[in-house]
Amino acid sequence: MRKLLWLSLLVVSAPVQADVFEAIPILEVGALHETNPRLDEDDEDDATGLVLDGRLNMQWATARTSLDLKPRARFSWYADGDDDDLEDEDFWIDSLLSHQTALSEYTLDAGYSTVGVRSSEVESAGDGGGTGSGNVRRADDSRQTFRIGPGWSRRLGARNLFSLSGTYTDVDFDKDTLQTGRLPYEYWDGRAAFQRTLNQKTDAGIQLELSRFESSASGASIDNTSDTYGGSVFGNYRFNETLTGSAYFGARATDVELERQQVGTLPDGSPLCLSAGIFVVPCKENTDDTNFVGSASLRKEAKRTNFDLSVSRAVTPNSNGGEQVRDSIDAVVSRQLTQKLTGRVGLLYFSQEDVADLTSRSSDYISANVRLSWQLAREWSVFGAYRFVNDDDENLNGFNEDATNHYFFVGARYKGRGWRR
């Protein structure tokens, strides 16, 4: 409740005398079939159900201040009574408050969600999350995420920009960690950047970053704390009116402290510890690790064709229980094939492992999806979609699982023209 109050303050702070207000409703309803919705290697039970997904994209704006607010709710029901654990009642709300002066801009980005793990841990191309684990054991579990991030930027002359930003994220789960292998965590990160415009097509800059990750779960008898700091150089290039590219390269140094619960003493006097139900030694480990990070991306926005392509290596927080080194490829292509027919293809691949490899948790994940939409009228369309997911995962308990799910979805979509004043 306390976290929701933060978001309520953003709503109250919306411009009272807004010059512009706009609200666009979006609704999808359809039927789905999945061959292995729990991503269970040993028990591939299929499931058929219904989905209702509603969104409302709102914006208040004056000459200098704007507030974007995007609530979303998603419900699913399954025909078989044994699939009750798959039924979700997901809720998201995201907001962005921005205020501009002659030289500066102030922003506050915040969000809250309570969603089933099949929504939070299973990613698709273009999601932009980057923190999914692929782990959906105990599918009746849910994840609560609270995020808030202030930012400030200031122009230093016609060509230079200096910015400061940070984010606090709190993630929790309903089920016991020992049953699921998922751990709650808190994450703080901060960034300082200087950017210079070199010419009409190019800008470049340098950025310093620091972060802190804390994960603790009594059920798993493990505490993990890591501090990461580093820097990077970045650049953006505009090839033409529709195609842009960006890249960055840097390094991250991480100090990790892993502590397990002591439950006894070995004959030589050294401590005996318990982690995820397994007796291990030592009880406490400290190490450090350095990783190169970077990304290269291309974006095209044209009348009939849009695509986003990104190849990256990053150090990211994860519900696996620690910061992860994550290598990923994320690609989405959408094209208007005819006046009424639109197609979309997406591919996401990532491989991740613990920053310092203290607990040997790792996973390889791939998701591919195809969607075709047929426009019936200005607001209404029908669609068919397919998604393939494979997750090869070594979890907190040290067990390997390799599971695949095929997801089929057909339905109708309504996107309103929007209410404006």
Protein backbone atom coordinates (compact mmCIF):
# COMPACT_ATOMS: atom_id res chain seq x y z
CA MET A 1 0.00 0.00 0.00
CA ARG A 2 2.83 2.40 0.85
CA LYS A 3 4.29 1.91 -2.63
CA LEU A 4 0.97 2.60 -4.32
CA LEU A 5 0.76 5.91 -2.42
CA TRP A 6 3.87 7.10 -4.27
CA LEU A 7 2.09 6.58 -7.56
CA SER A 8 -1.04 8.30 -6.23
CA LEU A 9 1.07 11.40 -5.57
CA LEU A 10 2.04 11.46 -9.23
CA VAL A 11 -1.60 11.37 -10.29
CA VAL A 12 -2.48 14.20 -7.89
CA SER A 13 0.43 16.22 -9.25
CA ALA A 14 -0.95 16.12 -12.81
CA PRO A 15 -1.38 19.60 -14.29
CA VAL A 16 -4.71 20.83 -12.98
CA GLN A 17 -5.18 23.33 -15.81
CA ALA A 18 -3.89 20.98 -18.51
CA ASP A 19 -3.66 22.43 -22.00
CA VAL A 20 -3.97 18.89 -23.38
CA PHE A 21 -5.54 15.74 -22.01
CA GLU A 22 -5.67 12.50 -23.98
CA ALA A 23 -6.78 8.97 -23.08
CA ILE A 24 -6.56 6.00 -25.46
CA PRO A 25 -8.21 2.69 -24.44
CA ILE A 26 -6.86 -0.62 -25.77
CA LEU A 27 -8.58 -3.96 -25.25
CA GLU A 28 -7.65 -7.49 -26.38
CA VAL A 29 -9.68 -10.63 -25.85
CA GLY A 30 -8.86 -14.06 -27.19
CA ALA A 31 -8.32 -17.79 -26.77
CA LEU A 32 -4.96 -19.43 -26.20
CA HIS A 33 -3.43 -22.90 -26.18
CA GLU A 34 -0.05 -23.80 -24.68
CA THR A 35 1.79 -27.12 -24.89
CA ASN A 36 3.89 -26.68 -21.72
CA PRO A 37 2.80 -23.52 -19.85
CA ARG A 38 4.79 -24.37 -16.69
CA LEU A 39 8.04 -24.95 -18.63
CA ASP A 40 8.32 -28.30 -16.85
CA GLU A 41 10.85 -30.67 -18.37
CA ASP A 42 9.22 -33.79 -16.87
CA ASP A 43 5.50 -32.96 -17.00
CA GLU A 44 4.46 -31.31 -20.27
CA ASP A 45 0.72 -30.82 -19.67
CA ASP A 46 -0.98 -28.60 -22.25
CA ALA A 47 -3.63 -26.02 -21.37
CA THR A 48 -6.38 -24.04 -23.14
CA GLY A 49 -7.95 -20.85 -21.88
CA LEU A 50 -9.17 -17.28 -22.39
CA VAL A 51 -7.38 -13.96 -21.95
CA LEU A 52 -8.70 -10.43 -21.36
CA ASP A 53 -6.13 -7.62 -21.52
CA GLY A 54 -7.04 -3.94 -21.07
CA ARG A 55 -4.92 -0.78 -21.11
CA LEU A 56 -5.58 2.94 -20.83
CA ASN A 57 -2.83 5.30 -22.02
CA MET A 58 -3.34 8.77 -20.57
CA GLN A 59 -1.43 12.03 -20.84
CA TRP A 60 -1.86 15.43 -19.22
CA ALA A 61 0.28 18.26 -20.57
CA THR A 62 0.86 21.98 -20.27
CA ALA A 63 3.49 24.07 -22.02
CA ARG A 64 6.24 22.88 -19.63
CA THR A 65 4.87 19.92 -17.65
CA SER A 66 3.50 16.55 -18.69
CA LEU A 67 2.35 13.36 -16.98
CA ASP A 68 2.00 10.01 -18.73
CA LEU A 69 0.00 7.38 -16.86
CA LYS A 70 -0.48 3.83 -18.20
CA PRO A 71 -2.56 1.40 -16.13
CA ARG A 72 -3.00 -2.14 -17.46
CA ALA A 73 -4.89 -5.25 -16.25
CA ARG A 74 -4.69 -8.77 -17.66
CA PHE A 75 -6.84 -11.77 -16.65
CA SER A 76 -6.64 -15.38 -17.81
CA TRP A 77 -8.96 -18.35 -17.24
CA TYR A 78 -8.34 -22.01 -18.13
CA ALA A 79 -10.85 -24.71 -19.01
CA ASP A 80 -9.34 -27.51 -16.91
CA GLY A 81 -9.80 -27.23 -13.15
CA ASP A 82 -6.29 -28.64 -12.66
CA ASP A 83 -4.89 -25.52 -14.33
CA ASP A 84 -6.01 -23.09 -11.63
CA ASP A 85 -2.37 -22.30 -10.87
CA LEU A 86 -2.03 -20.81 -14.37
CA GLU A 87 -4.86 -18.31 -13.97
CA ASP A 88 -3.46 -14.81 -13.58
CA GLU A 89 -4.78 -11.49 -12.35
CA ASP A 90 -1.98 -9.20 -13.49
CA PHE A 91 -1.86 -5.47 -12.85
CA TRP A 92 0.64 -2.81 -13.97
CA ILE A 93 0.74 0.95 -13.60
CA ASP A 94 3.56 3.05 -15.08
CA SER A 95 3.98 6.80 -14.93
CA LEU A 96 6.38 9.47 -16.11
CA LEU A 97 6.30 13.04 -14.80
CA SER A 98 8.37 15.63 -16.69
CA HIS A 99 8.94 19.35 -16.18
CA GLN A 100 11.04 21.58 -18.42
CA THR A 101 12.61 24.98 -17.88
CA ALA A 102 14.65 27.06 -20.30
CA LEU A 103 17.82 24.99 -19.73
CA SER A 104 16.83 22.02 -17.56
CA GLU A 105 14.48 19.05 -17.48
CA TYR A 106 13.30 17.18 -14.36
CA THR A 107 11.75 13.72 -14.58
CA LEU A 108 10.28 11.17 -12.22
CA ASP A 109 9.68 7.66 -13.57
CA ALA A 110 7.70 5.29 -11.34
CA GLY A 111 5.79 2.04 -11.60
CA TYR A 112 4.18 -0.78 -9.66
CA SER A 113 3.11 -4.24 -10.78
CA THR A 114 1.77 -7.41 -9.25
CA VAL A 115 1.85 -10.18 -11.85
CA GLY A 116 2.11 -13.94 -12.13
CA VAL A 117 5.60 -15.32 -12.72
CA ARG A 118 4.60 -16.46 -16.19
CA SER A 119 4.32 -12.74 -17.02
CA SER A 120 7.35 -11.48 -15.09
CA GLU A 121 9.92 -14.23 -15.70
CA VAL A 122 9.11 -15.18 -19.31
CA GLU A 123 10.23 -12.46 -21.72
CA SER A 124 9.47 -11.81 -25.37
CA ALA A 125 11.28 -9.78 -28.00
CA GLY A 126 10.79 -6.06 -27.53
CA ASP A 127 9.74 -6.27 -23.87
CA GLY A 128 12.78 -4.28 -22.78
CA GLY A 129 12.72 -5.77 -19.27
CA GLY A 130 16.04 -7.54 -19.12
CA THR A 131 15.46 -9.06 -15.66
CA GLY A 132 13.47 -12.22 -16.44
CA SER A 133 14.92 -15.49 -15.17
CA GLY A 134 12.90 -17.90 -17.34
CA ASN A 135 12.02 -19.75 -14.13
CA VAL A 136 8.27 -20.46 -13.75
CA ARG A 137 8.37 -23.33 -11.26
CA ARG A 138 5.30 -23.06 -9.00
CA ALA A 139 3.34 -21.13 -11.63
CA ASP A 140 0.85 -19.99 -8.96
CA ASP A 141 3.53 -17.66 -7.59
CA SER A 142 3.36 -13.91 -8.25
CA ARG A 143 5.90 -11.10 -8.34
CA GLN A 144 5.45 -7.59 -6.92
CA THR A 145 7.73 -4.88 -8.31
CA PHE A 146 7.99 -1.26 -7.21
CA ARG A 147 10.21 1.14 -9.16
CA ILE A 148 10.97 4.84 -8.80
CA GLY A 149 13.61 6.84 -10.62
CA PRO A 150 14.30 10.59 -10.55
CA GLY A 151 16.31 12.32 -13.28
CA TRP A 152 17.72 15.75 -14.05
CA SER A 153 19.46 17.13 -17.14
CA ARG A 154 20.82 20.56 -17.99
CA ARG A 155 22.07 22.10 -21.23
CA LEU A 156 25.54 23.60 -21.05
CA GLY A 157 25.57 25.72 -24.14
CA ALA A 158 24.19 24.78 -27.53
CA ARG A 159 26.07 21.47 -27.88
CA ASN A 160 26.54 20.03 -24.37
CA LEU A 161 24.21 18.19 -22.00
CA PHE A 162 24.88 17.00 -18.44
CA SER A 163 22.50 14.58 -16.70
CA LEU A 164 22.04 12.76 -13.38
CA SER A 165 19.60 9.88 -12.86
CA GLY A 166 18.94 6.96 -10.53
CA THR A 167 16.49 4.15 -9.89
CA TYR A 168 15.37 2.16 -6.86
CA THR A 169 13.68 -1.20 -7.49
CA ASP A 170 12.11 -3.55 -4.93
CA VAL A 171 11.07 -7.07 -6.02
CA ASP A 172 9.24 -9.63 -3.89
CA PHE A 173 7.55 -13.01 -4.45
CA ASP A 174 4.66 -14.77 -2.72
CA LYS A 175 6.06 -18.29 -2.56
CA ASP A 176 8.94 -19.62 -0.47
CA THR A 177 12.32 -19.41 -2.19
CA LEU A 178 13.21 -23.01 -1.35
CA GLN A 179 10.22 -24.17 -3.44
CA THR A 180 10.78 -21.92 -6.45
CA GLY A 181 14.46 -20.93 -6.70
CA ARG A 182 13.40 -17.27 -7.03
CA LEU A 183 14.74 -14.71 -4.56
CA PRO A 184 13.39 -11.24 -3.66
CA TYR A 185 15.83 -8.37 -4.04
CA GLU A 186 16.40 -4.62 -3.78
CA TYR A 187 18.42 -2.73 -6.35
CA TRP A 188 19.77 0.83 -6.45
CA ASP A 189 21.62 2.38 -9.37
CA GLY A 190 22.82 5.86 -10.27
CA ARG A 191 24.28 7.45 -13.42
CA ALA A 192 26.07 10.67 -14.35
CA ALA A 193 26.56 11.46 -18.03
CA PHE A 194 28.03 14.16 -20.23
CA GLN A 195 26.92 14.31 -23.88
CA ARG A 196 28.15 16.52 -26.72
CA THR A 197 26.59 17.10 -30.14
CA LEU A 198 29.36 16.77 -32.74
CA ASN A 199 27.32 17.55 -35.84
CA GLN A 200 23.78 17.26 -37.20
CA LYS A 201 24.05 13.47 -37.33
CA THR A 202 26.32 12.54 -34.42
CA ASP A 203 26.53 12.94 -30.68
CA ALA A 204 28.82 11.20 -28.20
CA GLY A 205 29.43 11.13 -24.48
CA ILE A 206 30.78 9.49 -21.35
CA GLN A 207 28.86 7.98 -18.43
CA LEU A 208 29.75 6.89 -14.88
CA GLU A 209 27.58 4.33 -13.09
CA LEU A 210 27.24 2.65 -9.71
CA SER A 211 24.75 0.15 -8.31
CA ARG A 212 24.02 -1.98 -5.26
CA PHE A 213 22.17 -5.30 -5.20
CA GLU A 214 20.83 -6.97 -2.04
CA SER A 215 19.03 -10.32 -1.92
CA SER A 216 18.05 -12.16 1.23
CA ALA A 217 15.68 -15.09 1.72
CA SER A 218 15.30 -17.11 4.93
CA GLY A 219 13.87 -20.07 3.03
CA ALA A 220 17.04 -20.35 0.97
CA SER A 221 19.40 -19.57 3.89
CA ILE A 222 21.44 -17.26 1.68
CA ASP A 223 22.30 -13.54 1.58
CA ASN A 224 23.88 -11.96 -1.48
CA THR A 225 25.17 -8.37 -1.63
CA SER A 226 27.06 -6.86 -4.55
CA ASP A 227 28.36 -3.39 -5.38
CA THR A 228 29.07 -2.55 -9.00
CA TYR A 229 30.69 0.54 -10.46
CA GLY A 230 32.11 1.47 -13.83
CA GLY A 231 32.06 3.76 -16.81
CA SER A 232 31.31 3.77 -20.51
CA VAL A 233 31.53 5.83 -23.68
CA PHE A 234 28.53 6.08 -25.98
CA GLY A 235 27.48 7.54 -29.29
CA ASN A 236 24.40 8.02 -31.48
CA TYR A 237 24.33 8.39 -35.26
CA ARG A 238 21.48 9.35 -37.58
CA PHE A 239 21.92 7.69 -40.98
CA ASN A 240 18.84 9.29 -42.51
CA GLU A 241 15.35 10.41 -41.59
CA THR A 242 14.19 6.86 -40.75
CA LEU A 243 17.32 4.99 -39.57
CA THR A 244 19.31 5.66 -36.40
CA GLY A 245 22.04 3.74 -34.60
CA SER A 246 23.61 3.83 -31.15
CA ALA A 247 26.44 2.07 -29.33
CA TYR A 248 28.25 2.09 -26.03
CA PHE A 249 31.27 0.31 -24.56
CA GLY A 250 32.51 0.15 -20.98
CA ALA A 251 33.54 -1.94 -18.00
CA ARG A 252 31.91 -2.90 -14.70
CA ALA A 253 33.77 -3.90 -11.53
CA THR A 254 31.71 -5.85 -8.98
CA ASP A 255 32.43 -6.71 -5.33
CA VAL A 256 30.31 -9.65 -4.13
CA GLU A 257 29.66 -10.95 -0.62
CA LEU A 258 27.76 -14.24 -0.29
CA GLU A 259 26.76 -15.47 3.18
CA ARG A 260 25.04 -18.74 4.08
CA GLN A 261 23.41 -19.87 7.32
CA GLN A 262 25.73 -21.79 9.67
CA VAL A 263 24.10 -24.96 11.05
CA GLY A 264 27.05 -26.81 12.59
CA THR A 265 30.79 -27.38 12.78
CA LEU A 266 33.01 -29.83 10.94
CA PRO A 267 35.52 -32.06 12.83
CA ASP A 268 38.35 -29.67 11.94
CA GLY A 269 36.43 -26.80 13.54
CA SER A 270 35.39 -25.05 10.33
CA PRO A 271 31.73 -24.00 9.99
CA LEU A 272 29.14 -26.11 8.17
CA CYS A 273 26.45 -24.17 6.32
CA LEU A 274 23.07 -24.75 4.74
CA SER A 275 22.06 -23.28 1.38
CA ALA A 276 18.80 -24.15 -0.38
CA GLY A 277 18.55 -27.35 1.69
CA ILE A 278 22.09 -28.48 0.82
CA PHE A 279 25.04 -28.65 3.23
CA VAL A 280 27.94 -26.56 1.88
CA VAL A 281 31.19 -24.88 2.90
CA PRO A 282 32.38 -22.18 3.29
CA CYS A 283 29.69 -20.09 4.96
CA LYS A 284 30.94 -16.74 3.71
CA GLU A 285 32.65 -15.84 0.47
CA ASN A 286 33.97 -12.53 -0.82
CA THR A 287 35.16 -12.00 -4.35
CA ASP A 288 35.33 -9.42 -7.08
CA ASP A 289 34.91 -9.57 -10.82
CA THR A 290 35.33 -7.23 -13.78
CA ASN A 291 33.30 -7.50 -16.97
CA PHE A 292 33.31 -5.60 -20.23
CA VAL A 293 29.85 -4.40 -21.24
CA GLY A 294 28.44 -2.80 -24.33
CA SER A 295 25.72 -2.71 -26.94
CA ALA A 296 25.03 -1.86 -30.55
CA SER A 297 21.54 -1.11 -31.82
CA LEU A 298 19.72 -0.03 -34.97
CA ARG A 299 16.22 1.43 -35.24
CA LYS A 300 14.18 2.10 -38.35
CA GLU A 301 10.86 3.95 -38.32
CA ALA A 302 9.31 4.22 -41.77
CA LYS A 303 5.77 4.41 -43.13
CA ARG A 304 5.42 0.66 -43.75
CA THR A 305 8.39 -0.97 -42.00
CA ASN A 306 9.75 -0.62 -38.46
CA PHE A 307 12.50 -2.60 -36.82
CA ASP A 308 14.59 -2.61 -33.66
CA LEU A 309 17.79 -4.63 -33.36
CA SER A 310 20.00 -4.74 -30.28
CA VAL A 311 23.03 -6.83 -29.35
CA SER A 312 24.30 -6.29 -25.82
CA ARG A 313 26.26 -7.46 -22.79
CA ALA A 314 25.19 -6.01 -19.44
CA VAL A 315 25.34 -6.54 -15.69
CA THR A 316 21.72 -6.72 -14.51
CA PRO A 317 19.75 -7.63 -11.36
CA ASN A 318 17.83 -10.89 -11.48
CA SER A 319 15.50 -13.03 -9.37
CA ASN A 320 18.05 -15.84 -9.69
CA GLY A 321 19.54 -14.32 -6.55
CA GLY A 322 22.37 -12.14 -7.78
CA GLU A 323 23.57 -9.73 -10.40
CA GLN A 324 23.97 -11.47 -13.73
CA VAL A 325 26.26 -11.01 -16.71
CA ARG A 326 23.74 -11.14 -19.53
CA ASP A 327 24.53 -11.50 -23.24
CA SER A 328 21.47 -10.88 -25.38
CA ILE A 329 20.09 -10.39 -28.88
CA ASP A 330 16.72 -8.66 -29.20
CA ALA A 331 15.16 -8.08 -32.63
CA VAL A 332 11.67 -7.00 -33.70
CA VAL A 333 10.45 -6.34 -37.25
CA SER A 334 6.94 -5.13 -38.10
CA ARG A 335 5.63 -4.40 -41.58
CA GLN A 336 2.36 -3.35 -43.15
CA LEU A 337 1.98 -6.07 -45.77
CA THR A 338 -1.20 -4.73 -47.36
CA GLN A 339 -3.65 -1.95 -46.57
CA LYS A 340 -5.31 -4.20 -43.95
CA LEU A 341 -2.71 -6.87 -43.11
CA THR A 342 0.21 -6.24 -40.71
CA GLY A 343 2.89 -8.71 -39.67
CA ARG A 344 5.34 -8.74 -36.76
CA VAL A 345 8.29 -11.07 -36.09
CA GLY A 346 10.41 -11.06 -32.93
CA LEU A 347 13.44 -12.93 -31.60
CA LEU A 348 14.98 -12.76 -28.13
CA TYR A 349 18.00 -14.75 -26.98
CA PHE A 350 19.95 -14.36 -23.78
CA SER A 351 22.56 -16.27 -21.84
CA GLN A 352 23.27 -15.25 -18.27
CA GLU A 353 25.35 -16.35 -15.29
CA ASP A 354 26.30 -15.02 -11.87
CA VAL A 355 28.71 -12.09 -11.95
CA ALA A 356 31.35 -13.88 -9.84
CA ASP A 357 30.08 -17.45 -10.46
CA LEU A 358 29.78 -18.08 -6.70
CA THR A 359 26.60 -20.14 -6.91
CA SER A 360 26.89 -21.48 -10.50
CA ARG A 361 23.39 -20.32 -11.45
CA SER A 362 23.04 -19.87 -15.19
CA SER A 363 20.46 -20.03 -17.96
CA ASP A 364 20.11 -19.93 -21.73
CA TYR A 365 16.79 -18.65 -23.02
CA ILE A 366 15.25 -18.15 -26.44
CA SER A 367 11.86 -16.77 -27.45
CA ALA A 368 10.58 -16.36 -31.02
CA ASN A 369 7.17 -14.98 -31.96
CA VAL A 370 5.07 -14.23 -35.03
CA ARG A 371 1.86 -12.17 -35.16
CA LEU A 372 -0.50 -11.31 -38.04
CA SER A 373 -3.24 -8.69 -37.68
CA TRP A 374 -6.14 -7.92 -40.04
CA GLN A 375 -7.80 -4.50 -39.76
CA LEU A 376 -11.60 -4.80 -39.79
CA ALA A 377 -12.34 -1.13 -39.11
CA ARG A 378 -10.48 1.90 -37.79
CA GLU A 379 -10.71 0.72 -34.17
CA TRP A 380 -11.10 -3.07 -34.57
CA SER A 381 -8.76 -5.81 -35.77
CA VAL A 382 -8.41 -9.59 -35.44
CA PHE A 383 -5.09 -11.36 -34.97
CA GLY A 384 -3.31 -14.69 -34.68
CA ALA A 385 -0.03 -15.17 -32.84
CA TYR A 386 2.50 -17.93 -32.14
CA ARG A 387 5.37 -17.94 -29.64
CA PHE A 388 8.14 -20.48 -29.05
CA VAL A 389 10.01 -20.47 -25.72
CA ASN A 390 12.93 -22.64 -24.61
CA ASP A 391 14.64 -22.28 -21.24
CA ASP A 392 17.76 -24.24 -20.27
CA ASP A 393 18.28 -23.36 -16.64
CA GLU A 394 20.47 -24.33 -13.70
CA ASN A 395 18.59 -23.10 -10.65
CA LEU A 396 19.47 -22.24 -7.06
CA ASN A 397 19.24 -25.90 -5.99
CA GLY A 398 21.78 -26.94 -8.60
CA PHE A 399 19.34 -28.84 -10.83
CA ASN A 400 19.30 -28.47 -14.61
CA GLU A 401 16.05 -28.18 -16.52
CA ASP A 402 15.55 -27.81 -20.27
CA ALA A 403 11.95 -27.10 -21.22
CA THR A 404 10.02 -25.83 -24.26
CA ASN A 405 6.58 -24.24 -24.66
CA HIS A 406 4.56 -23.55 -27.83
CA TYR A 407 1.98 -20.77 -27.41
CA PHE A 408 -0.93 -20.15 -29.82
CA PHE A 409 -3.23 -17.13 -29.45
CA VAL A 410 -6.13 -15.84 -31.57
CA GLY A 411 -8.38 -12.93 -30.74
CA ALA A 412 -9.74 -9.46 -31.39
CA ARG A 413 -8.27 -6.05 -30.53
CA TYR A 414 -9.93 -2.69 -29.98
CA LYS A 415 -7.88 0.52 -30.00
CA GLY A 416 -9.96 3.62 -29.47
CA ARG A 417 -9.43 6.91 -31.25
CA GLY A 418 -8.90 8.48 -27.87
CA TRP A 419 -10.63 11.09 -25.77
CA ARG A 420 -9.10 14.54 -26.08
CA ARG A 421 -9.73 17.98 -24.75
